[in-house]
């Protein structure tokens, strides 16, 4: 009986270790693709679906793109493992009197932490969840004259597309001001990350 128990535990440990090796590590953003028609985030007159390139013009938001995502290995079956990514933001302001949009700090921008999780089932399969109740959009506020940080209120996690073979792909629902159309737009954004290190803090 003891031998069977030891063999069972070893098999479980091997499965968790294998999955841990598959998912653990630091991941950096390689692509950030807008799912709608091309948009202009920085007002340079060029429209694109490549939001990583569009955000490169923003001094702070551009640096956010290089912030790695850390994914920790599973500790137990059926235990949720949460990880966060940092989404670059425009910091949009809406003037209710003029009905015009603007960027609060020109081409500085900001960031929003978005959370996802994975769980290892006892059969070794993975399931994924969004954890939007952890999002802090407290910078968003509204009064009789304007709305500050409007984009934070409408940006959130949608789903994990894949997490395997050193690649993490997620989808968010993003909110942006498009200089080309002069309109606020919302829609899906796919972010792809590549693992650069197995080491974790």
N, C-alpha and C. Protein backbone atom coordinates (compact mmCIF):
# COMPACT_ATOMS: atom_id res chain seq x y z
N UNK A 1 0.83 -1.20 0.00
CA UNK A 1 0.00 0.00 0.00
C UNK A 1 0.87 1.25 0.00
N UNK A 2 1.91 1.22 0.83
CA UNK A 2 2.83 2.36 0.91
C UNK A 2 3.53 2.58 -0.42
N UNK A 3 3.91 1.49 -1.08
CA UNK A 3 4.59 1.58 -2.37
C UNK A 3 3.67 2.22 -3.41
N UNK A 4 2.40 1.84 -3.44
CA UNK A 4 1.45 2.43 -4.37
C UNK A 4 1.27 3.91 -4.12
N UNK A 5 1.24 4.30 -2.87
CA UNK A 5 1.09 5.72 -2.51
C UNK A 5 2.29 6.52 -2.97
N UNK A 6 3.48 5.97 -2.77
CA UNK A 6 4.71 6.65 -3.20
C UNK A 6 4.72 6.81 -4.72
N UNK A 7 4.35 5.74 -5.44
CA UNK A 7 4.33 5.80 -6.90
C UNK A 7 3.31 6.82 -7.39
N UNK A 8 2.14 6.88 -6.73
CA UNK A 8 1.11 7.85 -7.10
C UNK A 8 1.59 9.27 -6.90
N UNK A 9 2.22 9.53 -5.76
CA UNK A 9 2.72 10.88 -5.48
C UNK A 9 3.80 11.28 -6.46
N UNK A 10 4.67 10.32 -6.80
CA UNK A 10 5.75 10.61 -7.74
C UNK A 10 5.19 10.97 -9.11
N UNK A 11 4.17 10.24 -9.54
CA UNK A 11 3.55 10.50 -10.84
C UNK A 11 2.94 11.90 -10.86
N UNK A 12 2.24 12.26 -9.75
CA UNK A 12 1.64 13.59 -9.66
C UNK A 12 2.70 14.68 -9.68
N UNK A 13 3.78 14.47 -8.91
CA UNK A 13 4.86 15.45 -8.86
C UNK A 13 5.50 15.62 -10.24
N UNK A 14 5.67 14.51 -10.97
CA UNK A 14 6.26 14.57 -12.30
C UNK A 14 5.39 15.38 -13.25
N UNK A 15 4.07 15.20 -13.14
CA UNK A 15 3.15 15.93 -14.01
C UNK A 15 3.21 17.42 -13.72
N UNK A 16 3.17 17.80 -12.45
CA UNK A 16 3.25 19.21 -12.09
C UNK A 16 4.58 19.82 -12.50
N UNK A 17 5.65 19.04 -12.33
CA UNK A 17 6.98 19.54 -12.71
C UNK A 17 7.07 19.74 -14.23
N UNK A 18 6.50 18.82 -14.97
CA UNK A 18 6.51 18.94 -16.44
C UNK A 18 5.74 20.18 -16.89
N UNK A 19 4.57 20.37 -16.32
CA UNK A 19 3.77 21.55 -16.67
C UNK A 19 4.46 22.83 -16.20
N UNK A 20 5.08 22.75 -15.02
CA UNK A 20 5.82 23.91 -14.52
C UNK A 20 6.94 24.32 -15.46
N UNK A 21 7.67 23.34 -15.99
CA UNK A 21 8.73 23.64 -16.95
C UNK A 21 8.16 24.23 -18.24
N UNK A 22 6.94 23.83 -18.58
CA UNK A 22 6.33 24.31 -19.82
C UNK A 22 5.91 25.77 -19.71
N UNK A 23 5.45 26.20 -18.51
CA UNK A 23 4.85 27.53 -18.40
C UNK A 23 5.70 28.55 -17.65
N UNK A 24 6.57 28.12 -16.76
CA UNK A 24 7.27 29.05 -15.89
C UNK A 24 8.23 29.95 -16.66
N UNK A 25 8.47 31.15 -16.09
CA UNK A 25 9.49 32.02 -16.66
C UNK A 25 9.04 33.45 -16.84
N UNK A 26 9.93 34.25 -17.38
CA UNK A 26 9.66 35.64 -17.72
C UNK A 26 9.40 35.75 -19.21
N UNK A 27 8.36 36.47 -19.56
CA UNK A 27 7.94 36.62 -20.96
C UNK A 27 7.94 38.11 -21.32
N UNK A 28 8.40 38.41 -22.54
CA UNK A 28 8.39 39.80 -23.00
C UNK A 28 7.48 39.92 -24.23
N UNK A 29 6.86 41.09 -24.34
CA UNK A 29 5.91 41.34 -25.41
C UNK A 29 6.61 41.42 -26.77
N UNK A 30 6.10 40.67 -27.73
CA UNK A 30 6.66 40.72 -29.09
C UNK A 30 5.71 41.39 -30.07
N UNK A 31 4.40 41.15 -29.91
CA UNK A 31 3.43 41.80 -30.78
C UNK A 31 2.20 42.21 -29.98
N UNK A 32 1.57 43.31 -30.41
CA UNK A 32 0.33 43.81 -29.81
C UNK A 32 -0.54 44.26 -30.97
N UNK A 33 -1.54 43.44 -31.31
CA UNK A 33 -2.26 43.62 -32.56
C UNK A 33 -3.72 44.00 -32.32
N UNK A 34 -4.10 45.15 -32.87
CA UNK A 34 -5.48 45.64 -32.77
C UNK A 34 -6.37 44.86 -33.73
N UNK A 35 -7.58 44.48 -33.26
CA UNK A 35 -8.45 43.64 -34.06
C UNK A 35 -9.39 44.38 -34.99
N UNK A 36 -9.40 45.70 -34.94
CA UNK A 36 -10.29 46.47 -35.81
C UNK A 36 -9.55 47.09 -36.98
N UNK A 37 -10.16 48.12 -37.56
CA UNK A 37 -9.50 48.86 -38.64
C UNK A 37 -8.29 49.61 -38.09
N UNK A 38 -7.25 49.85 -38.91
CA UNK A 38 -6.06 50.54 -38.42
C UNK A 38 -6.39 51.88 -37.75
N UNK A 39 -5.67 52.19 -36.67
CA UNK A 39 -5.90 53.41 -35.91
C UNK A 39 -4.59 54.16 -35.68
N UNK A 40 -4.73 55.44 -35.34
CA UNK A 40 -3.58 56.31 -35.08
C UNK A 40 -3.64 56.75 -33.62
N UNK A 41 -2.75 56.19 -32.78
CA UNK A 41 -2.77 56.50 -31.35
C UNK A 41 -1.94 57.71 -30.97
N UNK A 42 -0.95 58.07 -31.80
CA UNK A 42 -0.02 59.13 -31.41
C UNK A 42 -0.18 60.41 -32.22
N UNK A 43 -1.14 60.45 -33.15
CA UNK A 43 -1.39 61.67 -33.90
C UNK A 43 -0.38 62.00 -34.96
N UNK A 44 0.38 61.00 -35.42
CA UNK A 44 1.40 61.27 -36.44
C UNK A 44 0.86 61.12 -37.86
N UNK A 45 -0.44 60.82 -37.98
CA UNK A 45 -1.03 60.69 -39.30
C UNK A 45 -0.94 59.30 -39.90
N UNK A 46 -0.27 58.38 -39.22
CA UNK A 46 -0.12 57.02 -39.71
C UNK A 46 -1.01 56.07 -38.92
N UNK A 47 -1.85 55.32 -39.61
CA UNK A 47 -2.74 54.36 -38.97
C UNK A 47 -2.13 52.96 -39.05
N UNK A 48 -2.34 52.18 -38.02
CA UNK A 48 -1.76 50.84 -37.98
C UNK A 48 -2.57 49.94 -37.06
N UNK A 49 -2.42 48.63 -37.27
CA UNK A 49 -2.94 47.66 -36.31
C UNK A 49 -1.87 47.23 -35.32
N UNK A 50 -0.63 47.65 -35.57
CA UNK A 50 0.50 47.31 -34.71
C UNK A 50 0.55 48.31 -33.54
N UNK A 51 -0.09 47.98 -32.43
CA UNK A 51 -0.17 48.92 -31.31
C UNK A 51 1.15 49.00 -30.54
N UNK A 52 1.98 47.99 -30.65
CA UNK A 52 3.30 48.08 -30.04
C UNK A 52 4.08 49.22 -30.69
N UNK A 53 3.99 49.32 -32.00
CA UNK A 53 4.66 50.41 -32.72
C UNK A 53 4.00 51.75 -32.40
N UNK A 54 2.67 51.79 -32.36
CA UNK A 54 1.97 53.04 -32.06
C UNK A 54 2.35 53.57 -30.67
N UNK A 55 2.45 52.67 -29.70
CA UNK A 55 2.77 53.10 -28.33
C UNK A 55 4.25 53.43 -28.15
N UNK A 56 5.09 53.09 -29.10
CA UNK A 56 6.52 53.39 -28.97
C UNK A 56 6.78 54.89 -28.94
N UNK A 57 5.82 55.69 -29.42
CA UNK A 57 5.97 57.14 -29.41
C UNK A 57 5.67 57.75 -28.04
N UNK A 58 5.07 56.99 -27.13
CA UNK A 58 4.72 57.48 -25.80
C UNK A 58 5.89 57.24 -24.84
N UNK A 59 6.30 58.29 -24.13
CA UNK A 59 7.50 58.17 -23.30
C UNK A 59 7.35 57.16 -22.18
N UNK A 60 6.25 57.20 -21.44
CA UNK A 60 6.07 56.23 -20.35
C UNK A 60 5.44 54.94 -20.84
N UNK A 61 4.34 55.04 -21.57
CA UNK A 61 3.65 53.85 -22.06
C UNK A 61 4.56 53.01 -22.95
N UNK A 62 5.45 53.66 -23.68
CA UNK A 62 6.38 52.93 -24.53
C UNK A 62 7.32 52.06 -23.73
N UNK A 63 7.75 52.56 -22.56
CA UNK A 63 8.65 51.77 -21.72
C UNK A 63 7.92 50.63 -21.02
N UNK A 64 6.62 50.78 -20.85
CA UNK A 64 5.80 49.73 -20.23
C UNK A 64 5.86 48.45 -21.04
N UNK A 65 5.99 48.60 -22.34
CA UNK A 65 6.01 47.45 -23.24
C UNK A 65 7.14 46.48 -22.91
N UNK A 66 8.24 46.98 -22.36
CA UNK A 66 9.38 46.11 -22.06
C UNK A 66 9.26 45.42 -20.70
N UNK A 67 8.20 45.72 -19.93
CA UNK A 67 8.01 45.09 -18.62
C UNK A 67 7.64 43.62 -18.81
N UNK A 68 8.45 42.69 -18.26
CA UNK A 68 8.16 41.27 -18.48
C UNK A 68 6.97 40.78 -17.67
N UNK A 69 6.34 39.73 -18.16
CA UNK A 69 5.29 39.01 -17.43
C UNK A 69 5.95 37.80 -16.77
N UNK A 70 5.71 37.64 -15.47
CA UNK A 70 6.25 36.49 -14.74
C UNK A 70 5.15 35.46 -14.52
N UNK A 71 5.40 34.24 -14.98
CA UNK A 71 4.46 33.14 -14.78
C UNK A 71 5.13 32.10 -13.88
N UNK A 72 4.54 31.86 -12.72
CA UNK A 72 5.10 30.91 -11.76
C UNK A 72 4.55 29.52 -12.00
N UNK A 73 5.34 28.50 -11.68
CA UNK A 73 4.89 27.12 -11.91
C UNK A 73 3.78 26.74 -10.93
N UNK A 74 2.99 25.71 -11.26
CA UNK A 74 1.91 25.29 -10.37
C UNK A 74 2.46 24.62 -9.11
N UNK A 75 1.77 24.83 -8.01
CA UNK A 75 2.16 24.20 -6.74
C UNK A 75 1.31 22.97 -6.43
N UNK A 76 0.03 23.05 -6.80
CA UNK A 76 -0.91 21.98 -6.51
C UNK A 76 -1.92 21.86 -7.64
N UNK A 77 -2.55 20.73 -7.77
CA UNK A 77 -3.68 20.59 -8.69
C UNK A 77 -4.84 21.45 -8.21
N UNK A 78 -5.60 21.95 -9.15
CA UNK A 78 -6.82 22.73 -8.88
C UNK A 78 -6.55 24.00 -8.07
N UNK A 79 -5.31 24.47 -8.08
CA UNK A 79 -4.97 25.72 -7.39
C UNK A 79 -4.72 26.81 -8.43
N UNK A 80 -5.44 27.89 -8.33
CA UNK A 80 -5.33 28.98 -9.30
C UNK A 80 -3.99 29.69 -9.17
N UNK A 81 -3.28 29.82 -10.28
CA UNK A 81 -2.01 30.55 -10.32
C UNK A 81 -2.22 31.83 -11.12
N UNK A 82 -2.14 32.95 -10.44
CA UNK A 82 -2.43 34.24 -11.06
C UNK A 82 -1.16 34.89 -11.60
N UNK A 83 -1.25 35.49 -12.79
CA UNK A 83 -0.14 36.30 -13.32
C UNK A 83 -0.71 37.60 -13.88
N UNK A 84 0.14 38.61 -13.96
CA UNK A 84 -0.32 39.92 -14.41
C UNK A 84 0.52 40.41 -15.58
N UNK A 85 -0.11 41.16 -16.46
CA UNK A 85 0.62 41.86 -17.51
C UNK A 85 0.35 43.35 -17.36
N UNK A 86 1.19 44.15 -17.96
CA UNK A 86 1.04 45.59 -17.89
C UNK A 86 0.70 46.11 -19.28
N UNK A 87 -0.50 46.67 -19.43
CA UNK A 87 -0.93 47.18 -20.72
C UNK A 87 -0.62 48.67 -20.83
N UNK A 88 0.00 49.11 -21.92
CA UNK A 88 0.23 50.55 -22.12
C UNK A 88 -1.09 51.27 -22.37
N UNK A 89 -1.20 52.50 -21.85
CA UNK A 89 -2.44 53.27 -21.96
C UNK A 89 -2.14 54.67 -22.49
N UNK A 90 -3.16 55.28 -23.13
CA UNK A 90 -3.01 56.64 -23.64
C UNK A 90 -3.27 57.70 -22.57
N UNK A 91 -4.09 57.41 -21.57
CA UNK A 91 -4.56 58.39 -20.58
C UNK A 91 -5.48 59.43 -21.25
N UNK A 92 -6.69 58.99 -21.56
CA UNK A 92 -7.63 59.80 -22.33
C UNK A 92 -8.51 60.66 -21.42
N UNK A 93 -8.71 61.90 -21.86
CA UNK A 93 -9.62 62.83 -21.17
C UNK A 93 -10.74 63.22 -22.13
N UNK A 94 -11.95 63.33 -21.59
CA UNK A 94 -13.10 63.75 -22.40
C UNK A 94 -13.72 64.99 -21.78
N UNK A 95 -13.81 66.06 -22.57
CA UNK A 95 -14.41 67.31 -22.14
C UNK A 95 -15.89 67.29 -22.51
N UNK A 96 -16.75 67.29 -21.51
CA UNK A 96 -18.19 67.19 -21.76
C UNK A 96 -18.76 68.45 -22.40
N UNK A 97 -18.14 69.60 -22.15
CA UNK A 97 -18.67 70.86 -22.69
C UNK A 97 -18.35 70.99 -24.18
N UNK A 98 -17.11 70.70 -24.55
CA UNK A 98 -16.71 70.79 -25.96
C UNK A 98 -16.95 69.49 -26.71
N UNK A 99 -17.21 68.39 -25.95
CA UNK A 99 -17.39 67.06 -26.52
C UNK A 99 -16.16 66.62 -27.31
N UNK A 100 -15.00 66.93 -26.77
CA UNK A 100 -13.74 66.59 -27.42
C UNK A 100 -12.90 65.69 -26.54
N UNK A 101 -12.12 64.81 -27.20
CA UNK A 101 -11.18 63.94 -26.51
C UNK A 101 -9.78 64.54 -26.60
N UNK A 102 -8.96 64.25 -25.60
CA UNK A 102 -7.56 64.67 -25.64
C UNK A 102 -6.75 63.70 -24.80
N UNK A 103 -5.42 63.79 -24.89
CA UNK A 103 -4.53 63.00 -24.05
C UNK A 103 -4.09 63.87 -22.89
N UNK A 104 -4.21 63.37 -21.68
CA UNK A 104 -3.96 64.17 -20.48
C UNK A 104 -2.53 64.72 -20.44
N UNK A 105 -1.57 63.91 -20.80
CA UNK A 105 -0.17 64.32 -20.71
C UNK A 105 0.54 64.16 -22.06
N UNK A 106 -0.14 64.65 -23.10
CA UNK A 106 0.42 64.54 -24.45
C UNK A 106 0.86 63.10 -24.74
N UNK A 107 2.12 62.90 -25.11
CA UNK A 107 2.59 61.57 -25.47
C UNK A 107 3.39 60.93 -24.33
N UNK A 108 2.85 61.04 -23.13
CA UNK A 108 3.45 60.32 -21.99
C UNK A 108 2.77 58.97 -21.82
N UNK A 109 1.46 58.97 -21.57
CA UNK A 109 0.73 57.73 -21.42
C UNK A 109 0.89 57.11 -20.04
N UNK A 110 0.26 55.98 -19.85
CA UNK A 110 0.30 55.31 -18.56
C UNK A 110 0.25 53.81 -18.72
N UNK A 111 -0.21 53.13 -17.66
CA UNK A 111 -0.26 51.67 -17.71
C UNK A 111 -1.41 51.17 -16.85
N UNK A 112 -1.85 49.96 -17.16
CA UNK A 112 -2.91 49.30 -16.42
C UNK A 112 -2.53 47.84 -16.24
N UNK A 113 -2.59 47.36 -14.99
CA UNK A 113 -2.32 45.94 -14.72
C UNK A 113 -3.57 45.12 -15.00
N UNK A 114 -3.40 44.07 -15.80
CA UNK A 114 -4.49 43.17 -16.14
C UNK A 114 -4.11 41.76 -15.71
N UNK A 115 -5.05 41.05 -15.13
CA UNK A 115 -4.75 39.77 -14.48
C UNK A 115 -5.45 38.59 -15.17
N UNK A 116 -4.68 37.50 -15.23
CA UNK A 116 -5.19 36.22 -15.72
C UNK A 116 -4.72 35.14 -14.76
N UNK A 117 -5.25 33.94 -14.94
CA UNK A 117 -4.77 32.82 -14.13
C UNK A 117 -4.89 31.52 -14.92
N UNK A 118 -4.15 30.53 -14.47
CA UNK A 118 -4.30 29.18 -15.01
C UNK A 118 -4.43 28.20 -13.84
N UNK A 119 -5.06 27.07 -14.12
CA UNK A 119 -5.23 26.01 -13.14
C UNK A 119 -4.91 24.69 -13.80
N UNK A 120 -4.15 23.86 -13.11
CA UNK A 120 -3.84 22.52 -13.62
C UNK A 120 -4.86 21.54 -13.04
N UNK A 121 -5.57 20.85 -13.93
CA UNK A 121 -6.53 19.85 -13.50
C UNK A 121 -5.80 18.54 -13.17
N UNK A 122 -6.46 17.64 -12.49
CA UNK A 122 -5.83 16.38 -12.08
C UNK A 122 -5.46 15.49 -13.27
N UNK A 123 -6.09 15.71 -14.41
CA UNK A 123 -5.73 14.93 -15.60
C UNK A 123 -4.56 15.56 -16.36
N UNK A 124 -4.01 16.65 -15.82
CA UNK A 124 -2.86 17.31 -16.44
C UNK A 124 -3.21 18.41 -17.42
N UNK A 125 -4.49 18.64 -17.65
CA UNK A 125 -4.91 19.70 -18.57
C UNK A 125 -4.92 21.05 -17.85
N UNK A 126 -4.85 22.13 -18.62
CA UNK A 126 -4.85 23.48 -18.08
C UNK A 126 -6.16 24.19 -18.44
N UNK A 127 -6.67 24.94 -17.50
CA UNK A 127 -7.80 25.84 -17.77
C UNK A 127 -7.37 27.25 -17.42
N UNK A 128 -8.00 28.23 -18.08
CA UNK A 128 -7.59 29.62 -17.93
C UNK A 128 -8.78 30.49 -17.52
N UNK A 129 -8.46 31.55 -16.79
CA UNK A 129 -9.49 32.48 -16.36
C UNK A 129 -8.96 33.91 -16.48
N UNK A 130 -9.88 34.85 -16.64
CA UNK A 130 -9.53 36.26 -16.45
C UNK A 130 -9.86 36.61 -15.00
N UNK A 131 -9.11 37.56 -14.45
CA UNK A 131 -9.31 37.94 -13.04
C UNK A 131 -9.54 39.45 -13.02
N UNK A 132 -10.60 39.88 -13.67
CA UNK A 132 -10.83 41.32 -13.83
C UNK A 132 -11.23 42.03 -12.55
N UNK A 133 -11.63 41.27 -11.52
CA UNK A 133 -11.97 41.94 -10.27
C UNK A 133 -10.74 42.49 -9.56
N UNK A 134 -9.55 42.15 -10.06
CA UNK A 134 -8.31 42.71 -9.49
C UNK A 134 -7.87 43.99 -10.17
N UNK A 135 -8.50 44.34 -11.27
CA UNK A 135 -8.09 45.53 -12.00
C UNK A 135 -8.40 46.78 -11.18
N UNK A 136 -7.44 47.68 -11.07
CA UNK A 136 -7.60 48.93 -10.35
C UNK A 136 -7.75 50.07 -11.36
N UNK A 137 -8.99 50.51 -11.58
CA UNK A 137 -9.21 51.65 -12.49
C UNK A 137 -9.59 52.90 -11.68
N UNK A 138 -9.01 53.00 -10.48
CA UNK A 138 -9.38 54.10 -9.58
C UNK A 138 -8.96 55.47 -10.13
N UNK A 139 -8.08 55.49 -11.12
CA UNK A 139 -7.71 56.79 -11.71
C UNK A 139 -8.86 57.38 -12.52
N UNK A 140 -9.76 56.51 -12.98
CA UNK A 140 -10.94 56.99 -13.70
C UNK A 140 -11.84 57.78 -12.74
N UNK A 141 -12.21 58.98 -13.15
CA UNK A 141 -13.20 59.73 -12.38
C UNK A 141 -13.95 60.69 -13.29
N UNK A 142 -15.12 61.07 -12.84
CA UNK A 142 -16.01 61.87 -13.66
C UNK A 142 -16.66 62.96 -12.82
N UNK A 143 -16.78 64.15 -13.43
CA UNK A 143 -17.55 65.22 -12.79
C UNK A 143 -18.48 65.83 -13.84
N UNK A 144 -19.02 67.00 -13.55
CA UNK A 144 -19.99 67.60 -14.46
C UNK A 144 -19.36 68.13 -15.74
N UNK A 145 -18.01 68.29 -15.74
CA UNK A 145 -17.35 68.93 -16.88
C UNK A 145 -16.52 67.98 -17.73
N UNK A 146 -15.91 67.00 -17.08
CA UNK A 146 -15.05 66.11 -17.87
C UNK A 146 -14.92 64.73 -17.23
N UNK A 147 -14.28 63.85 -17.99
CA UNK A 147 -13.96 62.50 -17.52
C UNK A 147 -12.46 62.31 -17.67
N UNK A 148 -11.82 61.86 -16.61
CA UNK A 148 -10.37 61.63 -16.63
C UNK A 148 -10.08 60.13 -16.76
N UNK A 149 -9.03 59.80 -17.51
CA UNK A 149 -8.58 58.42 -17.68
C UNK A 149 -9.73 57.52 -18.16
N UNK A 150 -10.40 57.97 -19.17
CA UNK A 150 -11.56 57.26 -19.71
C UNK A 150 -11.20 55.85 -20.19
N UNK A 151 -10.01 55.71 -20.76
CA UNK A 151 -9.60 54.42 -21.32
C UNK A 151 -9.46 53.33 -20.26
N UNK A 152 -9.15 53.70 -19.02
CA UNK A 152 -8.99 52.71 -17.96
C UNK A 152 -10.33 52.02 -17.64
N UNK A 153 -11.39 52.74 -17.80
CA UNK A 153 -12.71 52.23 -17.45
C UNK A 153 -13.19 51.16 -18.43
N UNK A 154 -12.67 51.18 -19.66
CA UNK A 154 -13.15 50.28 -20.70
C UNK A 154 -12.09 49.29 -21.18
N UNK A 155 -10.99 49.15 -20.44
CA UNK A 155 -9.95 48.20 -20.80
C UNK A 155 -9.90 47.08 -19.76
N UNK A 156 -9.91 45.83 -20.23
CA UNK A 156 -9.93 44.70 -19.29
C UNK A 156 -9.50 43.42 -20.02
N UNK A 157 -9.25 42.39 -19.26
CA UNK A 157 -8.83 41.12 -19.82
C UNK A 157 -9.99 40.38 -20.46
N UNK A 158 -9.71 39.68 -21.55
CA UNK A 158 -10.74 38.91 -22.24
C UNK A 158 -10.51 37.41 -22.10
N UNK A 159 -9.32 36.93 -22.51
CA UNK A 159 -9.05 35.50 -22.40
C UNK A 159 -7.56 35.21 -22.62
N UNK A 160 -7.13 34.05 -22.16
CA UNK A 160 -5.82 33.50 -22.52
C UNK A 160 -6.01 32.69 -23.78
N UNK A 161 -5.24 33.00 -24.80
CA UNK A 161 -5.33 32.27 -26.06
C UNK A 161 -4.46 31.02 -26.04
N UNK A 162 -3.27 31.12 -25.45
CA UNK A 162 -2.40 29.95 -25.33
C UNK A 162 -1.28 30.25 -24.33
N UNK A 163 -0.79 29.17 -23.72
CA UNK A 163 0.36 29.25 -22.82
C UNK A 163 1.10 27.93 -22.92
N UNK A 164 2.05 27.88 -23.84
CA UNK A 164 2.79 26.65 -24.07
C UNK A 164 4.00 26.91 -24.96
N UNK A 165 4.98 26.00 -24.85
CA UNK A 165 6.16 26.04 -25.73
C UNK A 165 6.85 27.40 -25.73
N UNK A 166 6.90 28.05 -24.57
CA UNK A 166 7.61 29.31 -24.46
C UNK A 166 6.89 30.51 -25.03
N UNK A 167 5.60 30.36 -25.29
CA UNK A 167 4.82 31.46 -25.84
C UNK A 167 3.55 31.67 -25.01
N UNK A 168 3.27 32.92 -24.69
CA UNK A 168 2.05 33.30 -23.99
C UNK A 168 1.28 34.25 -24.90
N UNK A 169 0.02 33.92 -25.18
CA UNK A 169 -0.82 34.80 -25.98
C UNK A 169 -2.11 35.08 -25.22
N UNK A 170 -2.46 36.35 -25.09
CA UNK A 170 -3.69 36.73 -24.39
C UNK A 170 -4.44 37.75 -25.23
N UNK A 171 -5.71 37.90 -24.92
CA UNK A 171 -6.53 38.93 -25.57
C UNK A 171 -7.09 39.85 -24.49
N UNK A 172 -7.01 41.16 -24.75
CA UNK A 172 -7.66 42.13 -23.90
C UNK A 172 -8.72 42.86 -24.73
N UNK A 173 -9.63 43.52 -24.07
CA UNK A 173 -10.52 44.46 -24.72
C UNK A 173 -9.95 45.85 -24.42
N UNK A 174 -9.51 46.55 -25.45
CA UNK A 174 -8.85 47.83 -25.28
C UNK A 174 -9.74 49.00 -25.66
N UNK A 175 -9.40 50.15 -25.14
CA UNK A 175 -10.12 51.39 -25.43
C UNK A 175 -9.09 52.46 -25.79
N UNK A 176 -9.26 53.12 -26.94
CA UNK A 176 -8.26 54.06 -27.45
C UNK A 176 -8.93 55.25 -28.12
N UNK A 177 -8.20 56.36 -28.13
CA UNK A 177 -8.64 57.51 -28.94
C UNK A 177 -7.89 57.43 -30.27
N UNK A 178 -8.65 57.39 -31.36
CA UNK A 178 -8.09 57.32 -32.71
C UNK A 178 -8.02 58.72 -33.30
N UNK A 179 -6.81 59.24 -33.47
CA UNK A 179 -6.65 60.59 -34.03
C UNK A 179 -7.15 60.68 -35.45
N UNK A 180 -7.13 59.58 -36.18
CA UNK A 180 -7.55 59.60 -37.57
C UNK A 180 -9.05 59.86 -37.70
N UNK A 181 -9.85 59.16 -36.93
CA UNK A 181 -11.31 59.31 -37.00
C UNK A 181 -11.83 60.35 -36.01
N UNK A 182 -11.00 60.70 -35.02
CA UNK A 182 -11.46 61.61 -33.97
C UNK A 182 -12.48 60.98 -33.05
N UNK A 183 -12.44 59.65 -32.96
CA UNK A 183 -13.42 58.92 -32.17
C UNK A 183 -12.75 58.01 -31.14
N UNK A 184 -13.51 57.70 -30.10
CA UNK A 184 -13.09 56.68 -29.16
C UNK A 184 -13.45 55.32 -29.74
N UNK A 185 -12.51 54.39 -29.71
CA UNK A 185 -12.76 53.05 -30.27
C UNK A 185 -12.47 52.00 -29.20
N UNK A 186 -13.23 50.93 -29.22
CA UNK A 186 -13.00 49.80 -28.32
C UNK A 186 -13.03 48.52 -29.13
N UNK A 187 -12.25 47.54 -28.70
CA UNK A 187 -12.23 46.28 -29.42
C UNK A 187 -11.13 45.36 -28.94
N UNK A 188 -10.99 44.19 -29.56
CA UNK A 188 -10.01 43.19 -29.11
C UNK A 188 -8.58 43.55 -29.51
N UNK A 189 -7.66 43.24 -28.60
CA UNK A 189 -6.23 43.40 -28.86
C UNK A 189 -5.55 42.11 -28.45
N UNK A 190 -4.79 41.51 -29.36
CA UNK A 190 -4.06 40.29 -29.05
C UNK A 190 -2.60 40.62 -28.74
N UNK A 191 -2.14 40.13 -27.59
CA UNK A 191 -0.77 40.36 -27.15
C UNK A 191 -0.04 39.02 -27.12
N UNK A 192 1.11 38.98 -27.77
CA UNK A 192 1.91 37.76 -27.80
C UNK A 192 3.24 38.01 -27.10
N UNK A 193 3.60 37.09 -26.21
CA UNK A 193 4.84 37.18 -25.43
C UNK A 193 5.70 35.96 -25.70
N UNK A 194 7.01 36.17 -25.69
CA UNK A 194 7.96 35.06 -25.82
C UNK A 194 8.77 34.95 -24.54
N UNK A 195 9.02 33.73 -24.12
CA UNK A 195 9.80 33.51 -22.89
C UNK A 195 11.26 33.85 -23.15
N UNK A 196 11.84 34.63 -22.23
CA UNK A 196 13.25 35.00 -22.35
C UNK A 196 14.09 34.42 -21.22
N UNK A 197 13.42 33.92 -20.17
CA UNK A 197 14.17 33.36 -19.05
C UNK A 197 13.26 32.43 -18.24
N UNK A 198 13.88 31.37 -17.70
CA UNK A 198 13.15 30.49 -16.78
C UNK A 198 13.23 31.01 -15.35
N UNK A 199 14.16 31.93 -15.10
CA UNK A 199 14.38 32.44 -13.74
C UNK A 199 13.22 33.34 -13.32
N UNK A 200 12.87 33.26 -12.04
CA UNK A 200 11.79 34.08 -11.48
C UNK A 200 12.27 34.74 -10.20
N UNK A 201 11.70 35.91 -9.87
CA UNK A 201 12.11 36.58 -8.63
C UNK A 201 11.67 35.79 -7.39
